[in-house]
């Protein structure tokens, strides 16, 4: 099953860089990473681009926790959607594999926390 990781961002280049570096060493690689940036004034967009993320920019006034994630989910191509924040700390190389395991073993809707 294909995996899309979705990360809303705003001025988070420092923590985003660490997150994206951690995602590059995962035992199960995402098929795509989508970054929805809401008007960052630092180098967040450049950091995301340097890791090959698909970037979609919205104005800061357009950001809404639910609606922004819904929009990103509709853009995603993966069968499994993993939503993260820009400051997630990658604790192990198996984070994505472990997080998506319950969903990879089902044929229906799955939520994993």
Foldseek 3Di string as FASTA:
>chain_A
DAEEEEEEDAQLQVQLLQVLVLQVLAPDHHPAYEYEYADHPDCNVVSCVVSPHHYHYDHNVPDDPPVVVVVVVVVDPGPHYHYDYSNDHNDDSHVVVVQCVVVVPDDDDDHGD
